[in-house]
């Protein structure tokens, strides 16, 4: 049923995009604040998103309908799913920081599990990834802004518009 709906040419592209954002994106990013994505995961999510856009919009050409295809995200002008995941992580970090010390989520946020080290390169941690995104957006003093609600909202608004954060992480 949804495939027939999204392939129907009588339904406007604008409506299809709104449905993609409200249904597909929300379903895909549910509880994504705590995910730790690898390079492979990010690549698969981006491939999936482009596939959904191609199915909804069909081939996207420039104004002259030449054979040259243009980047879909330049046409849609919406953040990618991986960008949304990064912003969700920053939002969750701010929420966790403002919690009282005795709350379980805050304890888990700073919990250090001791186990034997695996061979090879150590995997990235959620905190390291959030720190890197925070530094990209807010500079050195970004963690102190969490406690000032207005400053934190301003930082997150800036992150949504920050072109550095929207660059693909390889």
N, C-alpha and C. Protein backbone atom coordinates (compact mmCIF):
# COMPACT_ATOMS: atom_id res chain seq x y z
N UNK A 1 0.81 -1.20 0.00
CA UNK A 1 0.00 0.00 0.00
C UNK A 1 0.86 1.27 0.00
N UNK A 2 1.82 1.45 0.92
CA UNK A 2 2.61 2.69 0.91
C UNK A 2 3.40 2.85 -0.38
N UNK A 3 3.87 1.74 -0.96
CA UNK A 3 4.65 1.85 -2.19
C UNK A 3 3.77 2.38 -3.32
N UNK A 4 2.55 1.93 -3.40
CA UNK A 4 1.63 2.44 -4.42
C UNK A 4 1.36 3.92 -4.19
N UNK A 5 1.21 4.30 -2.94
CA UNK A 5 0.94 5.70 -2.61
C UNK A 5 2.11 6.59 -3.02
N UNK A 6 3.33 6.19 -2.66
CA UNK A 6 4.48 7.03 -2.94
C UNK A 6 4.86 7.04 -4.41
N UNK A 7 4.44 6.05 -5.15
CA UNK A 7 4.72 6.03 -6.59
C UNK A 7 3.61 6.67 -7.42
N UNK A 8 2.52 7.03 -6.77
CA UNK A 8 1.40 7.65 -7.46
C UNK A 8 1.80 9.05 -7.93
N UNK A 9 1.65 9.32 -9.21
CA UNK A 9 2.06 10.60 -9.78
C UNK A 9 1.02 11.69 -9.56
N UNK A 10 -0.18 11.33 -9.12
CA UNK A 10 -1.22 12.32 -8.87
C UNK A 10 -1.07 13.00 -7.52
N UNK A 11 -0.24 12.46 -6.67
CA UNK A 11 0.00 13.03 -5.34
C UNK A 11 1.23 13.94 -5.44
N UNK A 12 1.14 15.11 -4.86
CA UNK A 12 2.21 16.09 -5.00
C UNK A 12 3.49 15.65 -4.28
N UNK A 13 4.61 16.12 -4.77
CA UNK A 13 5.90 15.80 -4.16
C UNK A 13 6.00 16.41 -2.77
N UNK A 14 5.36 17.56 -2.60
CA UNK A 14 5.39 18.24 -1.30
C UNK A 14 4.72 17.37 -0.21
N UNK A 15 3.58 16.78 -0.55
CA UNK A 15 2.89 15.90 0.39
C UNK A 15 3.71 14.64 0.67
N UNK A 16 4.33 14.08 -0.37
CA UNK A 16 5.16 12.90 -0.19
C UNK A 16 6.34 13.20 0.73
N UNK A 17 6.96 14.38 0.57
CA UNK A 17 8.07 14.76 1.45
C UNK A 17 7.62 14.94 2.89
N UNK A 18 6.46 15.55 3.08
CA UNK A 18 5.94 15.73 4.44
C UNK A 18 5.69 14.38 5.11
N UNK A 19 5.14 13.43 4.34
CA UNK A 19 4.90 12.10 4.89
C UNK A 19 6.20 11.37 5.18
N UNK A 20 7.20 11.57 4.32
CA UNK A 20 8.51 10.95 4.56
C UNK A 20 9.10 11.46 5.87
N UNK A 21 8.99 12.75 6.09
CA UNK A 21 9.56 13.35 7.31
C UNK A 21 8.78 12.88 8.54
N UNK A 22 7.46 12.85 8.45
CA UNK A 22 6.67 12.50 9.63
C UNK A 22 6.64 11.01 9.92
N UNK A 23 6.68 10.18 8.90
CA UNK A 23 6.57 8.73 9.14
C UNK A 23 7.94 8.05 9.15
N UNK A 24 8.66 8.17 8.06
CA UNK A 24 9.91 7.42 7.91
C UNK A 24 10.98 7.95 8.87
N UNK A 25 11.19 9.26 8.86
CA UNK A 25 12.25 9.82 9.71
C UNK A 25 11.98 9.59 11.19
N UNK A 26 10.76 9.80 11.61
CA UNK A 26 10.44 9.61 13.04
C UNK A 26 10.57 8.15 13.45
N UNK A 27 10.15 7.24 12.59
CA UNK A 27 10.28 5.82 12.91
C UNK A 27 11.74 5.39 12.95
N UNK A 28 12.51 5.91 12.02
CA UNK A 28 13.92 5.52 11.93
C UNK A 28 14.75 6.09 13.07
N UNK A 29 14.42 7.29 13.53
CA UNK A 29 15.24 7.93 14.57
C UNK A 29 14.68 7.75 15.98
N UNK A 30 13.68 6.90 16.14
CA UNK A 30 13.11 6.69 17.48
C UNK A 30 14.19 6.14 18.42
N UNK A 31 14.39 6.77 19.55
CA UNK A 31 15.36 6.39 20.58
C UNK A 31 16.79 6.40 20.05
N UNK A 32 17.06 7.27 19.11
CA UNK A 32 18.39 7.32 18.49
C UNK A 32 19.40 8.11 19.30
N UNK A 33 18.97 8.74 20.37
CA UNK A 33 19.86 9.57 21.17
C UNK A 33 21.02 8.77 21.75
N UNK A 34 20.80 7.51 21.98
CA UNK A 34 21.82 6.69 22.64
C UNK A 34 22.56 5.77 21.69
N UNK A 35 22.28 5.83 20.41
CA UNK A 35 22.95 4.95 19.46
C UNK A 35 24.40 5.35 19.30
N UNK A 36 25.23 4.37 19.05
CA UNK A 36 26.62 4.60 18.68
C UNK A 36 26.78 4.06 17.27
N UNK A 37 26.87 4.94 16.30
CA UNK A 37 26.92 4.52 14.90
C UNK A 37 28.35 4.36 14.42
N UNK A 38 28.57 3.32 13.66
CA UNK A 38 29.86 3.14 13.01
C UNK A 38 29.79 3.80 11.63
N UNK A 39 30.93 3.84 10.98
CA UNK A 39 30.99 4.41 9.64
C UNK A 39 30.07 3.62 8.70
N UNK A 40 30.06 2.32 8.86
CA UNK A 40 29.22 1.45 8.04
C UNK A 40 27.73 1.72 8.27
N UNK A 41 27.36 1.91 9.54
CA UNK A 41 25.96 2.22 9.86
C UNK A 41 25.51 3.53 9.22
N UNK A 42 26.37 4.56 9.34
CA UNK A 42 26.04 5.86 8.74
C UNK A 42 25.86 5.73 7.23
N UNK A 43 26.74 4.97 6.61
CA UNK A 43 26.67 4.79 5.16
C UNK A 43 25.36 4.11 4.78
N UNK A 44 24.97 3.08 5.51
CA UNK A 44 23.72 2.36 5.22
C UNK A 44 22.49 3.25 5.43
N UNK A 45 22.53 4.07 6.47
CA UNK A 45 21.40 4.98 6.71
C UNK A 45 21.30 5.99 5.58
N UNK A 46 22.43 6.53 5.14
CA UNK A 46 22.41 7.49 4.03
C UNK A 46 21.92 6.85 2.74
N UNK A 47 22.33 5.61 2.48
CA UNK A 47 21.86 4.90 1.29
C UNK A 47 20.35 4.70 1.37
N UNK A 48 19.86 4.29 2.53
CA UNK A 48 18.43 4.09 2.70
C UNK A 48 17.66 5.39 2.46
N UNK A 49 18.17 6.48 3.01
CA UNK A 49 17.48 7.76 2.87
C UNK A 49 17.44 8.20 1.39
N UNK A 50 18.54 8.06 0.69
CA UNK A 50 18.55 8.42 -0.73
C UNK A 50 17.59 7.53 -1.53
N UNK A 51 17.52 6.27 -1.16
CA UNK A 51 16.61 5.33 -1.83
C UNK A 51 15.15 5.77 -1.62
N UNK A 52 14.83 6.18 -0.39
CA UNK A 52 13.47 6.64 -0.11
C UNK A 52 13.17 7.91 -0.90
N UNK A 53 14.10 8.85 -0.94
CA UNK A 53 13.91 10.07 -1.72
C UNK A 53 13.71 9.77 -3.20
N UNK A 54 14.52 8.86 -3.74
CA UNK A 54 14.37 8.52 -5.16
C UNK A 54 13.02 7.89 -5.44
N UNK A 55 12.56 7.07 -4.50
CA UNK A 55 11.25 6.44 -4.69
C UNK A 55 10.13 7.48 -4.64
N UNK A 56 10.26 8.47 -3.74
CA UNK A 56 9.22 9.49 -3.60
C UNK A 56 9.27 10.52 -4.72
N UNK A 57 10.46 10.97 -5.05
CA UNK A 57 10.60 12.09 -5.98
C UNK A 57 10.87 11.67 -7.41
N UNK A 58 11.35 10.46 -7.61
CA UNK A 58 11.77 10.05 -8.94
C UNK A 58 13.13 10.68 -9.24
N UNK A 59 13.60 10.60 -10.46
CA UNK A 59 14.90 11.21 -10.77
C UNK A 59 14.81 12.73 -10.66
N UNK A 60 15.83 13.32 -10.06
CA UNK A 60 15.86 14.77 -9.85
C UNK A 60 16.91 15.35 -10.78
N UNK A 61 16.47 16.25 -11.65
CA UNK A 61 17.37 16.88 -12.61
C UNK A 61 17.47 18.37 -12.31
N UNK A 62 18.43 19.03 -12.95
CA UNK A 62 18.50 20.47 -12.78
C UNK A 62 17.42 21.13 -13.64
N UNK A 63 17.39 22.45 -13.67
CA UNK A 63 16.29 23.20 -14.30
C UNK A 63 16.11 22.87 -15.78
N UNK A 64 17.18 22.60 -16.49
CA UNK A 64 17.09 22.40 -17.93
C UNK A 64 16.75 20.96 -18.31
N UNK A 65 16.48 20.12 -17.31
CA UNK A 65 16.17 18.71 -17.53
C UNK A 65 17.27 18.01 -18.32
N UNK A 66 18.48 18.40 -18.04
CA UNK A 66 19.60 17.72 -18.68
C UNK A 66 19.76 16.35 -18.05
N UNK A 67 20.65 15.59 -18.58
CA UNK A 67 20.89 14.25 -18.09
C UNK A 67 21.66 14.25 -16.77
N UNK A 68 22.15 15.40 -16.37
CA UNK A 68 22.92 15.52 -15.14
C UNK A 68 21.99 15.46 -13.93
N UNK A 69 22.30 14.59 -13.02
CA UNK A 69 21.52 14.54 -11.78
C UNK A 69 22.17 15.46 -10.76
N UNK A 70 21.38 16.03 -9.89
CA UNK A 70 21.92 16.88 -8.84
C UNK A 70 21.68 16.20 -7.51
N UNK A 71 22.36 16.69 -6.50
CA UNK A 71 22.23 16.10 -5.17
C UNK A 71 20.81 16.29 -4.64
N UNK A 72 20.22 15.23 -4.17
CA UNK A 72 18.82 15.25 -3.71
C UNK A 72 18.64 16.20 -2.53
N UNK A 73 19.61 16.25 -1.64
CA UNK A 73 19.46 17.09 -0.44
C UNK A 73 19.49 18.57 -0.78
N UNK A 74 20.11 18.93 -1.90
CA UNK A 74 20.09 20.33 -2.33
C UNK A 74 18.68 20.73 -2.77
N UNK A 75 17.93 19.78 -3.30
CA UNK A 75 16.57 20.05 -3.73
C UNK A 75 15.62 20.06 -2.54
N UNK A 76 15.76 19.10 -1.66
CA UNK A 76 14.84 18.92 -0.55
C UNK A 76 15.04 20.00 0.52
N UNK A 77 16.27 20.40 0.77
CA UNK A 77 16.63 21.43 1.76
C UNK A 77 16.18 21.04 3.17
N UNK A 78 16.35 19.79 3.50
CA UNK A 78 16.07 19.28 4.84
C UNK A 78 17.33 18.59 5.35
N UNK A 79 17.55 18.55 6.66
CA UNK A 79 18.72 17.84 7.18
C UNK A 79 18.60 16.34 6.94
N UNK A 80 19.73 15.70 6.75
CA UNK A 80 19.72 14.25 6.55
C UNK A 80 19.42 13.55 7.87
N UNK A 81 19.17 12.27 7.79
CA UNK A 81 18.86 11.50 9.01
C UNK A 81 20.08 11.45 9.92
N UNK A 82 21.28 11.32 9.35
CA UNK A 82 22.47 11.29 10.19
C UNK A 82 22.70 12.62 10.90
N UNK A 83 22.35 13.72 10.26
CA UNK A 83 22.42 15.02 10.93
C UNK A 83 21.43 15.09 12.08
N UNK A 84 20.24 14.57 11.85
CA UNK A 84 19.22 14.54 12.89
C UNK A 84 19.69 13.70 14.08
N UNK A 85 20.36 12.58 13.78
CA UNK A 85 20.88 11.73 14.85
C UNK A 85 21.91 12.47 15.69
N UNK A 86 22.78 13.23 15.04
CA UNK A 86 23.79 14.01 15.76
C UNK A 86 23.14 15.05 16.66
N UNK A 87 22.14 15.74 16.15
CA UNK A 87 21.45 16.75 16.95
C UNK A 87 20.69 16.11 18.11
N UNK A 88 20.11 14.95 17.89
CA UNK A 88 19.40 14.24 18.96
C UNK A 88 20.37 13.87 20.09
N UNK A 89 21.58 13.45 19.71
CA UNK A 89 22.59 13.12 20.72
C UNK A 89 22.94 14.34 21.56
N UNK A 90 23.13 15.48 20.92
CA UNK A 90 23.44 16.70 21.66
C UNK A 90 22.29 17.09 22.59
N UNK A 91 21.07 16.96 22.11
CA UNK A 91 19.90 17.28 22.96
C UNK A 91 19.85 16.36 24.18
N UNK A 92 20.08 15.07 23.96
CA UNK A 92 20.03 14.12 25.07
C UNK A 92 21.16 14.40 26.06
N UNK A 93 22.33 14.75 25.56
CA UNK A 93 23.44 15.08 26.45
C UNK A 93 23.07 16.25 27.36
N UNK A 94 22.48 17.29 26.78
CA UNK A 94 22.06 18.44 27.58
C UNK A 94 21.02 18.05 28.61
N UNK A 95 20.10 17.19 28.23
CA UNK A 95 19.07 16.73 29.16
C UNK A 95 19.71 15.94 30.31
N UNK A 96 20.65 15.05 29.97
CA UNK A 96 21.32 14.25 30.99
C UNK A 96 22.18 15.08 31.92
N UNK A 97 22.82 16.12 31.39
CA UNK A 97 23.67 16.97 32.21
C UNK A 97 22.86 17.73 33.25
N UNK A 98 21.65 18.14 32.89
CA UNK A 98 20.83 18.94 33.80
C UNK A 98 20.14 18.10 34.88
N UNK A 99 20.21 16.78 34.77
CA UNK A 99 19.57 15.91 35.77
C UNK A 99 20.30 15.97 37.10
N UNK A 100 19.60 15.61 38.14
CA UNK A 100 20.21 15.52 39.47
C UNK A 100 21.21 14.37 39.49
N UNK A 101 22.19 14.46 40.37
CA UNK A 101 23.27 13.47 40.42
C UNK A 101 22.79 12.06 40.76
N UNK A 102 21.72 11.94 41.53
CA UNK A 102 21.27 10.63 41.97
C UNK A 102 20.36 9.93 40.96
N UNK A 103 20.02 10.58 39.85
CA UNK A 103 19.16 9.97 38.83
C UNK A 103 19.93 8.90 38.06
N UNK A 104 19.27 7.81 37.74
CA UNK A 104 19.91 6.67 37.09
C UNK A 104 20.50 7.00 35.71
N UNK A 105 19.76 7.73 34.84
CA UNK A 105 20.36 8.05 33.53
C UNK A 105 21.67 8.84 33.63
N UNK A 106 21.76 9.72 34.60
CA UNK A 106 23.00 10.49 34.76
C UNK A 106 24.13 9.60 35.27
N UNK A 107 23.80 8.66 36.15
CA UNK A 107 24.81 7.71 36.62
C UNK A 107 25.33 6.86 35.46
N UNK A 108 24.42 6.42 34.59
CA UNK A 108 24.82 5.59 33.46
C UNK A 108 25.65 6.40 32.46
N UNK A 109 25.34 7.68 32.33
CA UNK A 109 26.07 8.54 31.40
C UNK A 109 27.56 8.60 31.75
N UNK A 110 27.87 8.59 33.02
CA UNK A 110 29.27 8.69 33.45
C UNK A 110 29.82 7.39 34.02
N UNK A 111 29.09 6.31 33.84
CA UNK A 111 29.54 5.02 34.35
C UNK A 111 30.75 4.55 33.54
N UNK A 112 31.74 4.03 34.23
CA UNK A 112 32.93 3.50 33.56
C UNK A 112 32.96 2.00 33.79
N UNK A 113 32.67 1.25 32.75
CA UNK A 113 32.66 -0.20 32.87
C UNK A 113 34.07 -0.74 32.68
N UNK A 114 34.50 -1.56 33.59
CA UNK A 114 35.83 -2.14 33.46
C UNK A 114 35.71 -3.54 32.88
N UNK A 115 36.44 -3.76 31.83
CA UNK A 115 36.47 -5.08 31.21
C UNK A 115 37.81 -5.22 30.52
N UNK A 116 38.05 -6.40 30.00
CA UNK A 116 39.31 -6.60 29.31
C UNK A 116 39.29 -5.88 27.97
N UNK A 117 40.40 -5.34 27.57
CA UNK A 117 40.51 -4.60 26.32
C UNK A 117 40.50 -5.58 25.14
N UNK A 118 39.82 -5.22 24.10
CA UNK A 118 39.81 -6.01 22.88
C UNK A 118 41.06 -5.69 22.07
N UNK A 119 41.45 -6.60 21.22
CA UNK A 119 42.59 -6.34 20.34
C UNK A 119 42.20 -5.32 19.28
N UNK A 120 43.18 -4.54 18.83
CA UNK A 120 42.94 -3.60 17.75
C UNK A 120 42.60 -2.21 18.25
N UNK A 121 42.11 -1.41 17.32
CA UNK A 121 41.78 -0.02 17.63
C UNK A 121 40.55 0.03 18.54
N UNK A 122 40.60 0.86 19.60
CA UNK A 122 39.43 0.96 20.49
C UNK A 122 38.25 1.61 19.75
N UNK A 123 37.08 1.13 20.04
CA UNK A 123 35.87 1.67 19.41
C UNK A 123 35.56 3.05 19.98
N UNK A 124 34.89 3.85 19.18
CA UNK A 124 34.46 5.15 19.67
C UNK A 124 33.42 4.97 20.76
N UNK A 125 33.38 5.92 21.63
CA UNK A 125 32.38 5.92 22.69
C UNK A 125 31.38 7.02 22.41
N UNK A 126 30.22 6.87 22.99
CA UNK A 126 29.15 7.84 22.80
C UNK A 126 29.59 9.20 23.29
N UNK A 127 30.23 9.25 24.44
CA UNK A 127 30.66 10.53 25.01
C UNK A 127 31.69 11.23 24.13
N UNK A 128 32.59 10.46 23.53
CA UNK A 128 33.61 11.06 22.66
C UNK A 128 32.94 11.67 21.43
N UNK A 129 31.98 10.97 20.87
CA UNK A 129 31.29 11.48 19.69
C UNK A 129 30.49 12.74 20.01
N UNK A 130 29.82 12.75 21.15
CA UNK A 130 29.07 13.94 21.57
C UNK A 130 30.03 15.10 21.81
N UNK A 131 31.15 14.83 22.44
CA UNK A 131 32.14 15.88 22.69
C UNK A 131 32.63 16.50 21.38
N UNK A 132 32.89 15.65 20.40
CA UNK A 132 33.36 16.16 19.11
C UNK A 132 32.30 17.02 18.43
N UNK A 133 31.04 16.58 18.46
CA UNK A 133 29.96 17.37 17.86
C UNK A 133 29.77 18.68 18.61
N UNK A 134 29.86 18.62 19.93
CA UNK A 134 29.72 19.83 20.74
C UNK A 134 30.83 20.84 20.46
N UNK A 135 32.04 20.36 20.30
CA UNK A 135 33.15 21.26 19.99
C UNK A 135 32.99 21.89 18.61
N UNK A 136 32.48 21.12 17.66
CA UNK A 136 32.24 21.67 16.32
C UNK A 136 31.26 22.83 16.37
N UNK A 137 30.23 22.67 17.17
CA UNK A 137 29.17 23.65 17.20
C UNK A 137 29.46 24.81 18.15
N UNK A 138 29.93 24.49 19.36
CA UNK A 138 30.02 25.51 20.39
C UNK A 138 31.41 25.94 20.79
N UNK A 139 32.44 25.35 20.23
CA UNK A 139 33.79 25.74 20.62
C UNK A 139 34.20 25.10 21.93
N UNK A 140 35.16 25.73 22.62
CA UNK A 140 35.72 25.13 23.83
C UNK A 140 34.74 25.10 25.00
N UNK A 141 34.00 26.15 25.23
CA UNK A 141 33.15 26.22 26.42
C UNK A 141 31.74 25.73 26.21
N UNK A 142 31.55 24.77 25.35
CA UNK A 142 30.20 24.34 25.02
C UNK A 142 29.53 23.59 26.16
N UNK A 143 30.28 22.87 27.00
CA UNK A 143 29.67 22.10 28.09
C UNK A 143 29.07 23.00 29.17
N UNK A 144 29.67 24.18 29.39
CA UNK A 144 29.15 25.08 30.41
C UNK A 144 27.82 25.70 30.00
N UNK A 145 27.54 25.75 28.72
CA UNK A 145 26.28 26.32 28.24
C UNK A 145 25.08 25.45 28.57
N UNK A 146 25.32 24.19 28.87
CA UNK A 146 24.21 23.27 29.16
C UNK A 146 23.39 23.76 30.34
N UNK A 147 24.01 24.31 31.34
CA UNK A 147 23.31 24.68 32.56
C UNK A 147 22.50 25.97 32.41
N UNK A 148 22.81 26.77 31.41
CA UNK A 148 22.02 27.96 31.11
C UNK A 148 21.06 27.59 29.98
N UNK A 149 19.80 27.48 30.30
CA UNK A 149 18.81 26.97 29.36
C UNK A 149 18.76 27.76 28.05
N UNK A 150 18.76 29.09 28.16
CA UNK A 150 18.69 29.92 26.96
C UNK A 150 19.94 29.76 26.09
N UNK A 151 21.10 29.69 26.72
CA UNK A 151 22.34 29.49 25.96
C UNK A 151 22.35 28.14 25.27
N UNK A 152 21.84 27.11 25.94
CA UNK A 152 21.83 25.77 25.35
C UNK A 152 20.87 25.72 24.16
N UNK A 153 19.71 26.35 24.29
CA UNK A 153 18.77 26.39 23.17
C UNK A 153 19.38 27.13 21.99
N UNK A 154 20.09 28.20 22.29
CA UNK A 154 20.75 28.98 21.24
C UNK A 154 21.81 28.12 20.54
N UNK A 155 22.56 27.35 21.31
CA UNK A 155 23.59 26.48 20.75
C UNK A 155 22.97 25.41 19.85
N UNK A 156 21.86 24.81 20.28
CA UNK A 156 21.20 23.79 19.48
C UNK A 156 20.60 24.37 18.20
N UNK A 157 20.03 25.59 18.30
CA UNK A 157 19.53 26.25 17.10
C UNK A 157 20.66 26.51 16.11
N UNK A 158 21.80 26.93 16.65
CA UNK A 158 22.96 27.17 15.81
C UNK A 158 23.44 25.86 15.18
N UNK A 159 23.35 24.76 15.93
CA UNK A 159 23.78 23.46 15.41
C UNK A 159 22.91 23.01 14.26
N UNK A 160 21.63 23.33 14.32
CA UNK A 160 20.74 22.94 13.22
C UNK A 160 21.10 23.65 11.92
N UNK A 161 21.68 24.83 12.05
CA UNK A 161 22.04 25.61 10.87
C UNK A 161 23.52 25.55 10.55
N UNK A 162 24.28 24.80 11.33
CA UNK A 162 25.74 24.77 11.18
C UNK A 162 26.14 23.88 10.01
N UNK A 163 26.79 24.43 8.98
CA UNK A 163 27.17 23.60 7.84
C UNK A 163 28.24 22.57 8.18
N UNK A 164 29.04 22.83 9.21
CA UNK A 164 30.09 21.88 9.60
C UNK A 164 29.47 20.59 10.11
N UNK A 165 28.40 20.71 10.88
CA UNK A 165 27.76 19.54 11.45
C UNK A 165 27.06 18.71 10.36
N UNK A 166 26.68 19.37 9.27
CA UNK A 166 25.97 18.67 8.21
C UNK A 166 26.90 17.95 7.25
N UNK A 167 28.22 18.09 7.45
CA UNK A 167 29.16 17.39 6.59
C UNK A 167 29.20 15.92 6.95
N UNK A 168 29.30 15.02 5.99
CA UNK A 168 29.34 13.59 6.32
C UNK A 168 30.60 13.24 7.09
N UNK A 169 30.45 12.43 8.11
CA UNK A 169 31.60 11.97 8.89
C UNK A 169 32.07 10.66 8.29
N UNK A 170 33.31 10.63 7.90
CA UNK A 170 33.86 9.42 7.28
C UNK A 170 34.57 8.59 8.32
